[in-house]
């Protein structure tokens, strides 16, 4: 534990100190809060901003609660991570804080089997599904879904352990089951109906039980068998009637999980049978959707709004403008990175907001099987979503990735 002096008496415990959490950390500091940061990684990039640094797993609810009793935060929050949503709900409840999301409901927003059960109970459109914990039950579920289905861990994120199973992979059932189970924290594997159609996410904020939808984000995914997000764009380019259907289903799902105050990120597939919920999370959208794309496309600071709401203040959720914003993720093949560069012409291209690399020369890569395999990102803006996407594609074409074979 490391502690720095801060004159303010207000304290906020933030679960997670990764790059995606940094905007929330900065907002809390801006509001005058002493920030108690919790992360298992002692080298997490957000830790230098902390007033108190706690190297503790954000999933260890009892230890986080014990630390909260010591440091007495006014509120405990997380920003873009699923697992810590449960911990924050648990600790706030134990501390007697207001139930923005009761702990029992937080399970429905973070564990896919609980989520599916709750949404089914409330009559919200979802794919057919099975939650299994052994190979025999897995094989039975696959047969029930005619052999073409999505296999995913019940308790993880970032496309880890997600695979499309079809007839061509029937002989690999055991291997696929073990791969997905190996990425499931609680050992449960979901087997779900494959849904075809465009995918979007709905970025929203709920204040005292009333939800405002801020943006619908178009999502672009790798080809099967893995489902890794490789681009996002706002505002959605789907038709108005389809978007109204998406909003209706998202609002039903948000109400179903019992969210009273806080952000939500709802993923939806538009199938031939209508909009169906892929997943719902009681947190901000990751992949820089809410930290960068939403403010670029609408002028709404959703990160700041979520932190402000956690302090008991009512945030301004009114859109200031409507522009196009997009993010493209850089991919690579298999091998060792010899060089990873962006042409100067690309960096100076009008509409390019930033180019960031996650990997460096010497790193090994093995295709794109989860979000951790992406090499970096490019964020672009334009007058329309089409323009933002086109600039992103042009910039992506100017990224040079040179690989050498792995030994």
Foldseek 3Di string as FASTA:
>chain_A
DDAADAPDPAAEEEEDQAPQQQVLLVLCVVVRHQYAYEDLDPVHPRVVSHRHYHNDHLLPLVVVLVVCVVVVHPAYYYFADLNNLLSRLSNCVVVVHDRLAHNVLSCLQFFQVNVVVLCVVLVFFAFDKDKDQDLVVQVVLCVVLVFWWWKAARGDDQQQLIFTTHPVCPVVSVVSLCRRLVRHPVRIMMTTHDFDAWKWKWKWWAAQNRIDTQAIKTWDFDDGGTTGTFKIKPHDPDDPVLVVQVVVSVSSSCVSSPRRGAIKMWMWGQGPVGIHTPHIHRHGHDPCCQCPFSCQAFVANRSSQRSCVSVVDHDDSHGPHGWMKMKGFAWDAWAFWQAKDFDPCLVPDAFWPDWDFPDGGGDTAHTPRGSVRTGTMIMGIGRYNVVRVVSRVVRSVRIDTDGDHDD
